[in-house]
Amino acid sequence: QDVQHVCCVYRSRMRKHVYVTPKSFLCFIEYYKKLYASKYDEVNVLEKSVNIGLQKLAEAAEYVENMKVEIVKRKEVLKIEDDKTNALLLKVQREKSKAEAKADEVGIQKRECEAKAADIQADQEEANKELNNALPYLEQATAACQSIRDKDIVELKQTKNPVDIVRLTFDGVLLVRNFRILDVKSEEKTINKVQALFIHDSFEEHAKGVISEMGFLKDLKHFAEHERDMINDETCELLEPYLRFDLDPVKNWSPWRHPVLDQGLAKKANAAAEGLCKFVGAMVMYHEASKIVKPKIDELKVQEEKLRKAKLELAAAEAELKRVNDEVAELDNQLKEAIEKKNALEQDSLAMQRRMEAANRLLGGLSGENARWTEDAKTFATRRLRLVGDVALACAFVTYSGPFNSEFRDKLNYEYFRGGVHRRGLPANEKVSLVEFLVDEGTIGEWAIEGLPNDDLSVQNGIMVTKSSRYPLMIDPQGQALHWIKRREKDRIAEDPLSCVTTLNNKMLKDQLDNTMTA
């Protein structure tokens, strides 16, 4: 009735007829159901989005608080790790200093050991040279033993009264081998037909018993090879009267013009006596030569023992140095791991700090939205309830306001439709912007790009054209609507231009309209 009343007023003032039919009401009902479902779902989606947003903001705020606590904990852990790393660094420095000192000590010890080894080597070479000087006498003694034949020894054993040179030769053998002889007393001795006073021999008392032994010659050889160093200066001094001789008559004390133990004269008496004379003389000469080198050899043995101990000490010191270096290497690895761990903790702390700052900035930037969303969350139930009246106003606007101008549209919407909603007690907002309720700014912007003017009346016409379920009849004296429709439907027009565009003068107009409406 309100619309019919406005139609009458419009006809009386503007001289234009507007008709309202039951079909209009059916279109109103159909669009109401569609728009109400759409807006209801939109409110639900918006409520869900707002609740999710609030939940996310709450989670973000809680996350920030947790991060603050975690950052404090990590700072404590980082401080502990930093202290550990610094302590480990100091320990590594101390151990490295010890290792360097130990290395210097081992180096000095090694150089001393090498110098001592070089000295010992030089002394050993010198001793070997001097020992080599004594070896010919030893070889002579050995050769003398080798020259004695068993039959010569048997011959000596069978001789009941050997000549004096043989007797005195055996005194020399007894003295060399440190066997017992008689006390010294003078006696007439005949050598090479020359008689003179000399030392009484011990042949009968002691030498015969030595000769009679089965292993005499074997023992003699064994003495030359293994017991030669048992000869001492006292033995040589006792043998001096038997071996000493000087060509100078003034210096020569002997009554004979040759040594008592002359090898040539002994050979005349017995072949074994010659070998024994050679043996006695060679052993004395060996002792005289070896007694020079023997102290050096003994000293070398002492020094070699010291060197051996020094090498053992050096080996122990090197082992200790290796142990210290291994410990330092292990500490270096621990220090490296500690530094890497500390750096990783620092990076994690910095990354968490940056995340927290970013989250704080985000929360600060969304603080206004948080307040608005919190307020909106309380109104969704009311908004859903008020959709009943708001959707009725919007549907009435789309269904009935098309034929009227701007003045009558406002009158119809704000006086009659809104008043009717309130009179009937339908829940609705006090003031509803129908344009904002039906389309968003993006859609209006797209229409403007397509060529639709952006004034309120043109936007309202665009809403009615796109939202109404009926085909619009647009009175367009300036061609603005035609320009907008062609740009908006350019893809469909490009597919089938004959079915989309026509004129009143087109002979096929009726068929085109039939095809369009039945398609």
Protein backbone atom coordinates (compact mmCIF):
# COMPACT_ATOMS: atom_id res chain seq x y z
CA GLN A 1 0.00 0.00 0.00
CA ASP A 2 2.86 2.42 0.80
CA VAL A 3 4.42 1.78 -2.62
CA GLN A 4 1.11 2.26 -4.39
CA HIS A 5 0.59 5.52 -2.50
CA VAL A 6 4.04 6.74 -3.58
CA CYS A 7 3.25 5.66 -7.16
CA CYS A 8 0.17 7.86 -7.12
CA VAL A 9 2.09 10.81 -5.72
CA TYR A 10 4.85 10.26 -8.30
CA ARG A 11 2.32 10.18 -11.13
CA SER A 12 0.63 13.36 -9.96
CA ARG A 13 3.92 15.24 -9.62
CA MET A 14 6.16 13.75 -12.32
CA ARG A 15 3.44 12.64 -14.82
CA LYS A 16 5.00 9.13 -14.92
CA HIS A 17 3.18 5.88 -14.30
CA VAL A 18 4.77 3.23 -12.04
CA TYR A 19 3.01 -0.09 -11.57
CA VAL A 20 3.32 -2.54 -8.67
CA THR A 21 2.18 -6.10 -9.34
CA PRO A 22 2.09 -9.34 -7.35
CA LYS A 23 5.16 -10.36 -9.38
CA SER A 24 7.03 -7.54 -7.69
CA PHE A 25 6.21 -8.96 -4.29
CA LEU A 26 7.25 -12.44 -5.37
CA CYS A 27 10.57 -11.04 -6.55
CA PHE A 28 10.89 -9.29 -3.18
CA ILE A 29 10.33 -12.59 -1.34
CA GLU A 30 12.76 -14.49 -3.60
CA TYR A 31 15.51 -11.89 -3.25
CA TYR A 32 14.87 -11.63 0.51
CA LYS A 33 15.58 -15.33 1.01
CA LYS A 34 18.70 -15.16 -1.13
CA LEU A 35 20.09 -11.97 0.42
CA TYR A 36 19.24 -13.02 3.98
CA ALA A 37 21.11 -16.34 3.57
CA SER A 38 24.06 -14.52 2.02
CA LYS A 39 24.22 -11.82 4.73
CA TYR A 40 23.70 -14.40 7.48
CA ASP A 41 26.58 -16.46 6.16
CA GLU A 42 28.61 -13.27 5.77
CA VAL A 43 28.01 -12.35 9.39
CA ASN A 44 28.94 -15.89 10.48
CA VAL A 45 32.11 -15.82 8.41
CA LEU A 46 32.97 -12.40 9.75
CA GLU A 47 32.30 -13.56 13.31
CA LYS A 48 34.46 -16.60 12.78
CA SER A 49 37.23 -14.48 11.27
CA VAL A 50 37.02 -11.96 14.12
CA ASN A 51 37.09 -14.71 16.73
CA ILE A 52 40.02 -16.37 14.99
CA GLY A 53 41.74 -12.99 14.79
CA LEU A 54 41.14 -12.36 18.48
CA GLN A 55 42.36 -15.86 19.27
CA LYS A 56 45.47 -15.30 17.20
CA LEU A 57 46.09 -11.97 18.88
CA ALA A 58 45.65 -13.61 22.29
CA GLU A 59 47.99 -16.42 21.26
CA ALA A 60 50.46 -13.85 19.96
CA ALA A 61 50.28 -11.91 23.22
CA GLU A 62 50.75 -15.12 25.19
CA TYR A 63 53.59 -16.10 22.84
CA VAL A 64 55.25 -12.74 23.45
CA GLU A 65 54.97 -13.19 27.21
CA ASN A 66 56.35 -16.71 26.95
CA MET A 67 59.16 -15.42 24.77
CA LYS A 68 59.97 -12.78 27.37
CA VAL A 69 60.26 -15.49 30.01
CA GLU A 70 62.24 -17.70 27.63
CA ILE A 71 64.57 -14.83 26.74
CA VAL A 72 65.27 -14.21 30.42
CA LYS A 73 66.01 -17.93 30.89
CA ARG A 74 68.21 -18.00 27.83
CA LYS A 75 70.11 -14.95 29.03
CA GLU A 76 70.79 -16.79 32.28
CA VAL A 77 71.89 -19.89 30.37
CA LEU A 78 73.98 -17.71 28.05
CA LYS A 79 75.65 -16.05 31.03
CA ILE A 80 76.45 -19.47 32.50
CA GLU A 81 77.83 -20.68 29.18
CA ASP A 82 79.78 -17.45 28.79
CA ASP A 83 81.32 -17.93 32.24
CA LYS A 84 82.12 -21.54 31.40
CA THR A 85 83.69 -20.50 28.10
CA ASN A 86 85.79 -17.79 29.75
CA ALA A 87 86.92 -20.20 32.46
CA LEU A 88 87.75 -22.80 29.83
CA LEU A 89 89.63 -20.18 27.83
CA LEU A 90 91.74 -19.29 30.86
CA LYS A 91 92.37 -22.97 31.50
CA VAL A 92 93.43 -23.50 27.89
CA GLN A 93 95.78 -20.54 28.12
CA ARG A 94 97.31 -21.90 31.34
CA GLU A 95 97.68 -25.38 29.88
CA LYS A 96 99.19 -23.97 26.70
CA SER A 97 101.70 -22.02 28.78
CA LYS A 98 102.56 -25.22 30.65
CA ALA A 99 102.85 -27.10 27.38
CA GLU A 100 105.13 -24.44 25.92
CA ALA A 101 107.30 -24.49 29.06
CA LYS A 102 107.34 -28.29 28.94
CA ALA A 103 108.25 -28.18 25.24
CA ASP A 104 111.15 -25.81 26.00
CA GLU A 105 112.27 -28.07 28.83
CA VAL A 106 112.07 -31.17 26.65
CA GLY A 107 113.90 -29.31 23.88
CA ILE A 108 116.75 -28.43 26.23
CA GLN A 109 116.78 -31.98 27.59
CA LYS A 110 116.80 -33.38 24.06
CA ARG A 111 119.66 -31.13 22.97
CA GLU A 112 121.65 -32.09 26.08
CA CYS A 113 120.97 -35.74 25.41
CA GLU A 114 122.01 -35.39 21.78
CA ALA A 115 125.17 -33.50 22.79
CA LYS A 116 125.98 -36.18 25.37
CA ALA A 117 125.40 -38.89 22.78
CA ALA A 118 127.70 -37.06 20.35
CA ASP A 119 130.42 -36.79 23.04
CA ILE A 120 130.06 -40.45 23.92
CA GLN A 121 130.22 -41.36 20.27
CA ALA A 122 133.44 -39.36 19.86
CA ASP A 123 134.95 -40.90 22.99
CA GLN A 124 133.90 -44.35 21.85
CA GLU A 125 135.53 -43.86 18.47
CA GLU A 126 138.75 -42.69 20.19
CA ALA A 127 138.64 -45.63 22.61
CA ASN A 128 138.07 -48.02 19.74
CA LYS A 129 141.11 -46.60 17.98
CA GLU A 130 143.26 -47.13 21.07
CA LEU A 131 141.74 -50.54 21.61
CA ASN A 132 142.63 -51.44 18.06
CA ASN A 133 146.25 -50.63 18.94
CA ALA A 134 146.13 -53.33 21.63
CA LEU A 135 144.43 -55.93 19.46
CA PRO A 136 147.61 -56.95 17.58
CA TYR A 137 149.18 -58.06 20.88
CA LEU A 138 146.07 -60.06 21.65
CA GLU A 139 146.27 -61.62 18.23
CA GLN A 140 149.92 -62.42 18.85
CA ALA A 141 148.99 -64.10 22.15
CA THR A 142 146.24 -66.05 20.46
CA ALA A 143 148.57 -67.01 17.62
CA ALA A 144 151.18 -68.08 20.14
CA CYS A 145 148.62 -70.34 21.80
CA GLN A 146 147.61 -71.67 18.40
CA SER A 147 151.25 -72.42 17.56
CA ILE A 148 151.66 -74.68 20.59
CA ARG A 149 151.08 -78.30 19.64
CA ASP A 150 149.96 -81.04 21.93
CA LYS A 151 153.07 -83.11 21.22
CA ASP A 152 155.24 -80.19 22.36
CA ILE A 153 153.35 -80.12 25.64
CA VAL A 154 153.74 -83.91 25.93
CA GLU A 155 157.44 -83.49 25.29
CA LEU A 156 157.67 -80.92 28.10
CA LYS A 157 155.81 -83.25 30.43
CA GLN A 158 158.28 -86.04 29.68
CA THR A 159 161.32 -83.83 30.20
CA LYS A 160 162.54 -84.58 33.70
CA ASN A 161 164.98 -81.71 34.00
CA PRO A 162 164.13 -78.91 31.51
CA VAL A 163 166.62 -76.13 30.93
CA ASP A 164 166.40 -72.90 32.91
CA ILE A 165 164.79 -70.87 30.13
CA VAL A 166 161.90 -73.38 30.02
CA ARG A 167 161.55 -73.24 33.78
CA LEU A 168 161.53 -69.45 33.81
CA THR A 169 159.05 -69.42 30.88
CA PHE A 170 156.58 -71.34 33.00
CA ASP A 171 157.17 -68.83 35.83
CA GLY A 172 155.98 -66.20 33.35
CA VAL A 173 152.89 -68.28 32.48
CA LEU A 174 152.08 -68.75 36.17
CA LEU A 175 152.44 -65.02 36.82
CA VAL A 176 150.26 -64.09 33.80
CA ARG A 177 147.53 -66.44 34.96
CA ASN A 178 147.91 -65.25 38.54
CA PHE A 179 148.83 -68.70 39.82
CA ARG A 180 150.92 -69.23 42.96
CA ILE A 181 154.73 -69.15 42.72
CA LEU A 182 157.50 -69.46 45.27
CA ASP A 183 158.72 -66.54 47.26
CA VAL A 184 161.54 -64.66 45.59
CA LYS A 185 165.08 -65.87 46.25
CA SER A 186 168.22 -65.82 44.15
CA GLU A 187 169.64 -68.77 42.33
CA GLU A 188 172.30 -69.49 39.70
CA LYS A 189 170.69 -69.79 36.25
CA THR A 190 172.29 -70.75 32.96
CA ILE A 191 170.84 -69.33 29.78
CA ASN A 192 172.58 -69.57 26.42
CA LYS A 193 175.64 -70.95 28.25
CA VAL A 194 175.85 -67.84 30.40
CA GLN A 195 175.50 -68.41 34.15
CA ALA A 196 174.27 -65.63 36.42
CA LEU A 197 172.21 -65.00 39.52
CA PHE A 198 168.42 -64.75 38.91
CA ILE A 199 165.13 -65.58 40.59
CA HIS A 200 164.57 -69.11 41.77
CA ASP A 201 161.92 -70.77 39.52
CA SER A 202 158.70 -72.51 40.67
CA PHE A 203 158.72 -75.23 38.01
CA GLU A 204 159.01 -78.20 40.30
CA GLU A 205 156.61 -76.90 42.92
CA HIS A 206 153.83 -75.44 40.77
CA ALA A 207 154.45 -75.50 36.98
CA LYS A 208 154.56 -79.29 36.70
CA GLY A 209 151.11 -79.54 38.20
CA VAL A 210 149.73 -76.97 35.73
CA ILE A 211 151.35 -78.71 32.74
CA SER A 212 150.02 -82.07 33.80
CA GLU A 213 146.42 -80.86 33.58
CA MET A 214 144.58 -82.23 30.54
CA GLY A 215 143.08 -78.87 29.63
CA PHE A 216 146.26 -76.83 30.01
CA LEU A 217 146.39 -75.64 26.43
CA LYS A 218 142.63 -75.17 26.26
CA ASP A 219 142.65 -73.14 29.49
CA LEU A 220 145.46 -71.03 28.11
CA LYS A 221 143.45 -70.18 25.01
CA HIS A 222 140.36 -69.47 27.11
CA PHE A 223 142.40 -67.11 29.29
CA ALA A 224 143.65 -65.24 26.22
CA GLU A 225 140.13 -64.86 24.86
CA HIS A 226 138.03 -64.23 27.96
CA GLU A 227 140.21 -63.56 31.03
CA ARG A 228 142.91 -61.36 29.55
CA ASP A 229 141.63 -58.24 31.30
CA MET A 230 142.40 -59.87 34.69
CA ILE A 231 146.08 -59.00 34.21
CA ASN A 232 147.01 -55.99 36.32
CA ASP A 233 150.00 -53.69 36.80
CA GLU A 234 151.34 -55.78 39.70
CA THR A 235 151.47 -58.83 37.46
CA CYS A 236 153.35 -56.88 34.81
CA GLU A 237 155.71 -55.52 37.45
CA LEU A 238 156.50 -59.07 38.59
CA LEU A 239 157.13 -60.07 34.99
CA GLU A 240 159.40 -57.12 34.31
CA PRO A 241 162.66 -58.97 35.28
CA TYR A 242 161.78 -61.71 32.81
CA LEU A 243 161.08 -59.39 29.89
CA ARG A 244 163.09 -56.20 30.43
CA PHE A 245 166.15 -55.62 28.24
CA ASP A 246 168.05 -52.53 27.01
CA LEU A 247 170.68 -52.51 24.30
CA ASP A 248 172.51 -49.80 26.21
CA PRO A 249 174.92 -51.69 28.51
CA VAL A 250 174.71 -48.89 31.03
CA LYS A 251 170.94 -49.22 31.32
CA ASN A 252 170.77 -52.97 30.95
CA TRP A 253 170.78 -54.58 34.41
CA SER A 254 170.69 -58.17 33.17
CA PRO A 255 173.83 -60.27 33.00
CA TRP A 256 172.56 -61.60 29.71
CA ARG A 257 172.62 -59.70 26.44
CA HIS A 258 168.98 -60.62 25.77
CA PRO A 259 165.70 -60.84 27.73
CA VAL A 260 165.40 -63.75 30.04
CA LEU A 261 162.37 -65.01 28.11
CA ASP A 262 163.99 -64.83 24.71
CA GLN A 263 161.72 -66.53 22.16
CA GLY A 264 164.58 -67.69 19.96
CA LEU A 265 166.46 -69.31 22.82
CA ALA A 266 163.21 -70.88 24.10
CA LYS A 267 162.58 -72.37 20.69
CA LYS A 268 165.95 -74.12 20.82
CA ALA A 269 164.89 -75.74 24.04
CA ASN A 270 161.32 -76.64 23.05
CA ALA A 271 158.77 -75.44 20.48
CA ALA A 272 156.10 -75.10 23.15
CA ALA A 273 158.42 -72.88 25.19
CA GLU A 274 158.71 -70.48 22.25
CA GLY A 275 154.90 -70.18 22.02
CA LEU A 276 154.63 -69.71 25.77
CA CYS A 277 157.28 -66.95 25.66
CA LYS A 278 155.36 -65.24 22.91
CA PHE A 279 152.15 -65.65 24.92
CA VAL A 280 153.63 -64.09 28.07
CA GLY A 281 155.20 -61.18 26.20
CA ALA A 282 152.08 -60.53 24.11
CA MET A 283 149.80 -60.56 27.13
CA VAL A 284 152.00 -58.05 28.95
CA MET A 285 152.12 -55.80 25.88
CA TYR A 286 148.34 -56.15 25.52
CA HIS A 287 147.87 -55.07 29.12
CA GLU A 288 150.19 -52.09 28.66
CA ALA A 289 148.20 -51.02 25.60
CA SER A 290 144.76 -51.81 26.98
CA LYS A 291 145.25 -50.23 30.39
CA ILE A 292 145.21 -46.85 28.63
CA VAL A 293 141.92 -47.52 26.91
CA LYS A 294 140.28 -49.62 29.63
CA PRO A 295 139.46 -46.66 31.94
CA LYS A 296 138.00 -44.90 28.96
CA ILE A 297 135.90 -47.94 28.16
CA ASP A 298 134.77 -48.13 31.76
CA GLU A 299 133.98 -44.42 31.67
CA LEU A 300 132.14 -44.96 28.40
CA LYS A 301 130.06 -47.67 30.05
CA VAL A 302 129.19 -45.25 32.84
CA GLN A 303 128.40 -42.52 30.35
CA GLU A 304 126.38 -44.92 28.20
CA GLU A 305 124.40 -45.92 31.26
CA LYS A 306 123.83 -42.25 32.01
CA LEU A 307 122.87 -41.71 28.38
CA ARG A 308 120.47 -44.64 28.58
CA LYS A 309 118.86 -43.13 31.66
CA ALA A 310 118.82 -39.72 29.99
CA LYS A 311 117.09 -41.25 26.97
CA LEU A 312 114.57 -42.91 29.24
CA GLU A 313 113.99 -39.60 31.01
CA LEU A 314 113.74 -37.88 27.62
CA ALA A 315 111.25 -40.49 26.42
CA ALA A 316 109.25 -40.00 29.62
CA ALA A 317 109.40 -36.21 29.18
CA GLU A 318 108.34 -36.51 25.54
CA ALA A 319 105.49 -38.79 26.59
CA GLU A 320 104.49 -36.24 29.22
CA LEU A 321 104.73 -33.49 26.60
CA LYS A 322 102.55 -35.53 24.26
CA ARG A 323 100.05 -36.06 27.07
CA VAL A 324 100.00 -32.33 27.82
CA ASN A 325 99.63 -31.49 24.12
CA ASP A 326 96.82 -34.04 23.81
CA GLU A 327 95.10 -32.46 26.80
CA VAL A 328 95.57 -29.01 25.27
CA ALA A 329 94.15 -30.29 21.97
CA GLU A 330 91.18 -31.78 23.82
CA LEU A 331 90.69 -28.50 25.69
CA ASP A 332 90.89 -26.64 22.37
CA ASN A 333 88.14 -28.89 21.00
CA GLN A 334 86.06 -28.32 24.13
CA LEU A 335 86.66 -24.58 23.84
CA LYS A 336 85.64 -24.64 20.18
CA GLU A 337 82.47 -26.56 21.01
CA ALA A 338 81.74 -24.19 23.91
CA ILE A 339 82.20 -21.13 21.68
CA GLU A 340 79.98 -22.66 18.98
CA LYS A 341 77.36 -23.48 21.60
CA LYS A 342 77.56 -19.97 23.05
CA ASN A 343 77.31 -18.43 19.56
CA ALA A 344 74.33 -20.64 18.75
CA LEU A 345 72.63 -19.56 21.99
CA GLU A 346 73.38 -15.92 21.18
CA GLN A 347 71.94 -16.31 17.68
CA ASP A 348 68.85 -18.06 19.05
CA SER A 349 68.43 -15.34 21.68
CA LEU A 350 68.82 -12.59 19.07
CA ALA A 351 66.39 -14.34 16.72
CA MET A 352 63.87 -14.75 19.56
CA GLN A 353 64.39 -11.11 20.54
CA ARG A 354 63.71 -10.03 16.95
CA ARG A 355 60.61 -12.23 16.79
CA MET A 356 59.37 -10.80 20.06
CA GLU A 357 59.98 -7.23 18.87
CA ALA A 358 58.21 -7.95 15.59
CA ALA A 359 55.30 -9.52 17.48
CA ASN A 360 55.18 -6.50 19.80
CA ARG A 361 55.11 -4.14 16.84
CA LEU A 362 52.38 -6.21 15.25
CA LEU A 363 50.36 -6.29 18.46
CA GLY A 364 50.91 -2.55 18.88
CA GLY A 365 49.75 -1.92 15.32
CA LEU A 366 46.72 -4.14 15.83
CA SER A 367 45.80 -2.75 19.22
CA GLY A 368 43.05 -0.63 17.65
CA GLU A 369 41.82 -3.59 15.65
CA ASN A 370 41.89 -5.70 18.78
CA ALA A 371 39.63 -3.25 20.55
CA ARG A 372 37.31 -3.01 17.54
CA TRP A 373 37.20 -6.76 17.05
CA THR A 374 36.52 -7.28 20.74
CA GLU A 375 33.63 -4.86 20.52
CA ASP A 376 32.39 -6.44 17.28
CA ALA A 377 32.51 -9.90 18.82
CA LYS A 378 29.87 -8.77 21.30
CA THR A 379 27.48 -7.53 18.57
CA PHE A 380 27.31 -10.44 16.13
CA ALA A 381 24.25 -11.96 17.73
CA THR A 382 22.50 -8.57 17.52
CA ARG A 383 23.67 -8.09 13.94
CA ARG A 384 22.25 -11.48 12.98
CA LEU A 385 18.97 -10.57 14.67
CA ARG A 386 18.80 -7.19 12.92
CA LEU A 387 19.37 -8.80 9.56
CA VAL A 388 15.62 -9.48 9.49
CA GLY A 389 14.75 -5.80 9.12
CA ASP A 390 17.94 -4.67 7.34
CA VAL A 391 17.54 -7.28 4.61
CA ALA A 392 13.85 -6.36 4.24
CA LEU A 393 14.83 -2.70 3.69
CA ALA A 394 17.52 -3.65 1.14
CA CYS A 395 15.23 -6.02 -0.75
CA ALA A 396 12.43 -3.47 -0.84
CA PHE A 397 14.90 -0.92 -2.20
CA VAL A 398 16.07 -3.24 -5.00
CA THR A 399 12.56 -4.46 -5.84
CA TYR A 400 10.49 -1.25 -5.77
CA SER A 401 12.76 1.81 -6.04
CA GLY A 402 13.97 1.41 -9.60
CA PRO A 403 11.40 3.52 -11.49
CA PHE A 404 11.67 6.52 -9.12
CA ASN A 405 14.06 9.41 -9.09
CA SER A 406 16.44 10.22 -6.24
CA GLU A 407 13.90 12.27 -4.23
CA PHE A 408 11.21 9.65 -4.27
CA ARG A 409 13.71 6.85 -3.61
CA ASP A 410 14.81 8.54 -0.41
CA LYS A 411 11.23 9.22 0.58
CA LEU A 412 10.25 5.62 -0.09
CA ASN A 413 13.28 4.10 1.66
CA TYR A 414 13.60 6.28 4.72
CA GLU A 415 9.96 7.20 5.41
CA TYR A 416 7.86 4.32 4.25
CA PHE A 417 10.10 1.23 4.24
CA ARG A 418 11.97 2.05 7.46
CA GLY A 419 8.79 3.28 9.13
CA GLY A 420 7.00 0.10 8.12
CA VAL A 421 9.77 -2.05 9.57
CA HIS A 422 9.69 -0.22 12.88
CA ARG A 423 5.89 -0.20 13.03
CA ARG A 424 5.83 -3.95 12.56
CA GLY A 425 8.44 -4.41 15.31
CA LEU A 426 11.02 -6.06 13.08
CA PRO A 427 14.57 -5.91 14.51
CA ALA A 428 16.68 -3.54 12.40
CA ASN A 429 19.37 -0.88 12.73
CA GLU A 430 18.26 2.71 13.21
CA LYS A 431 20.07 3.78 10.08
CA VAL A 432 21.15 1.57 7.22
CA SER A 433 23.29 2.69 4.28
CA LEU A 434 21.71 0.60 1.57
CA VAL A 435 24.62 1.08 -0.85
CA GLU A 436 27.19 -0.06 1.72
CA PHE A 437 24.89 -2.88 2.79
CA LEU A 438 24.52 -4.27 -0.76
CA VAL A 439 27.93 -3.64 -2.38
CA ASP A 440 31.47 -2.96 -1.21
CA GLU A 441 33.88 -0.26 -2.26
CA GLY A 442 35.77 -2.66 -4.51
CA THR A 443 32.71 -3.41 -6.61
CA ILE A 444 31.90 0.29 -6.93
CA GLY A 445 35.48 0.88 -8.05
CA GLU A 446 35.20 -1.84 -10.70
CA TRP A 447 31.98 -0.27 -11.99
CA ALA A 448 33.71 3.08 -12.22
CA ILE A 449 36.53 1.49 -14.24
CA GLU A 450 33.90 -0.05 -16.52
CA GLY A 451 32.40 3.42 -17.15
CA LEU A 452 29.56 3.78 -14.62
CA PRO A 453 29.39 7.29 -13.11
CA ASN A 454 30.21 7.31 -9.40
CA ASP A 455 27.28 9.47 -8.19
CA ASP A 456 24.82 7.96 -5.72
CA LEU A 457 21.98 7.58 -8.20
CA SER A 458 24.17 5.78 -10.76
CA VAL A 459 25.55 3.47 -8.08
CA GLN A 460 22.00 2.70 -6.92
CA ASN A 461 21.02 1.93 -10.53
CA GLY A 462 24.03 -0.38 -10.83
CA ILE A 463 22.90 -2.21 -7.67
CA MET A 464 19.39 -2.71 -9.04
CA VAL A 465 20.71 -3.93 -12.41
CA THR A 466 23.08 -6.47 -10.84
CA LYS A 467 21.05 -7.58 -7.82
CA SER A 468 17.48 -7.76 -9.15
CA SER A 469 16.12 -11.05 -10.46
CA ARG A 470 14.12 -9.25 -13.16
CA TYR A 471 15.42 -7.87 -16.46
CA PRO A 472 15.94 -4.13 -16.14
CA LEU A 473 14.57 -1.57 -18.55
CA MET A 474 17.03 1.33 -18.57
CA ILE A 475 16.00 4.74 -19.92
CA ASP A 476 19.37 6.08 -21.03
CA PRO A 477 19.20 9.32 -23.00
CA GLN A 478 22.94 10.04 -22.51
CA GLY A 479 24.11 6.49 -23.33
CA GLN A 480 25.96 6.09 -20.05
CA ALA A 481 24.21 2.85 -19.15
CA LEU A 482 24.80 1.44 -22.65
CA HIS A 483 28.50 2.27 -22.46
CA TRP A 484 28.77 0.63 -19.03
CA ILE A 485 26.88 -2.53 -20.06
CA LYS A 486 29.01 -3.00 -23.19
CA ARG A 487 32.25 -2.76 -21.24
CA ARG A 488 30.93 -4.92 -18.43
CA GLU A 489 29.70 -7.68 -20.76
CA LYS A 490 32.44 -7.37 -23.39
CA ASP A 491 33.45 -11.03 -23.11
CA ARG A 492 29.90 -12.32 -23.62
CA ILE A 493 29.31 -9.85 -26.42
CA ALA A 494 32.51 -11.02 -28.11
CA GLU A 495 31.27 -14.62 -28.02
CA ASP A 496 27.86 -13.93 -29.70
CA PRO A 497 27.36 -10.27 -30.66
CA LEU A 498 24.07 -10.86 -32.59
CA SER A 499 22.37 -12.31 -29.53
CA CYS A 500 23.62 -9.61 -27.17
CA VAL A 501 23.23 -6.30 -29.04
CA THR A 502 20.23 -5.13 -31.10
CA THR A 503 18.15 -2.03 -31.93
CA LEU A 504 14.46 -1.26 -32.11
CA ASN A 505 14.73 -1.10 -35.90
CA ASN A 506 16.18 -4.60 -36.15
CA LYS A 507 13.87 -6.92 -38.13
CA MET A 508 14.94 -9.82 -35.90
CA LEU A 509 14.15 -7.97 -32.67
CA LYS A 510 11.24 -10.21 -31.74
CA ASP A 511 13.22 -13.41 -32.28
CA GLN A 512 16.22 -11.99 -30.44
CA LEU A 513 14.04 -11.12 -27.44
CA ASP A 514 12.42 -14.55 -27.47
CA ASN A 515 15.79 -16.31 -27.61
CA THR A 516 17.22 -14.12 -24.89
CA MET A 517 14.32 -14.61 -22.49
CA THR A 518 14.03 -18.37 -23.10
CA ALA A 519 17.77 -19.06 -22.97
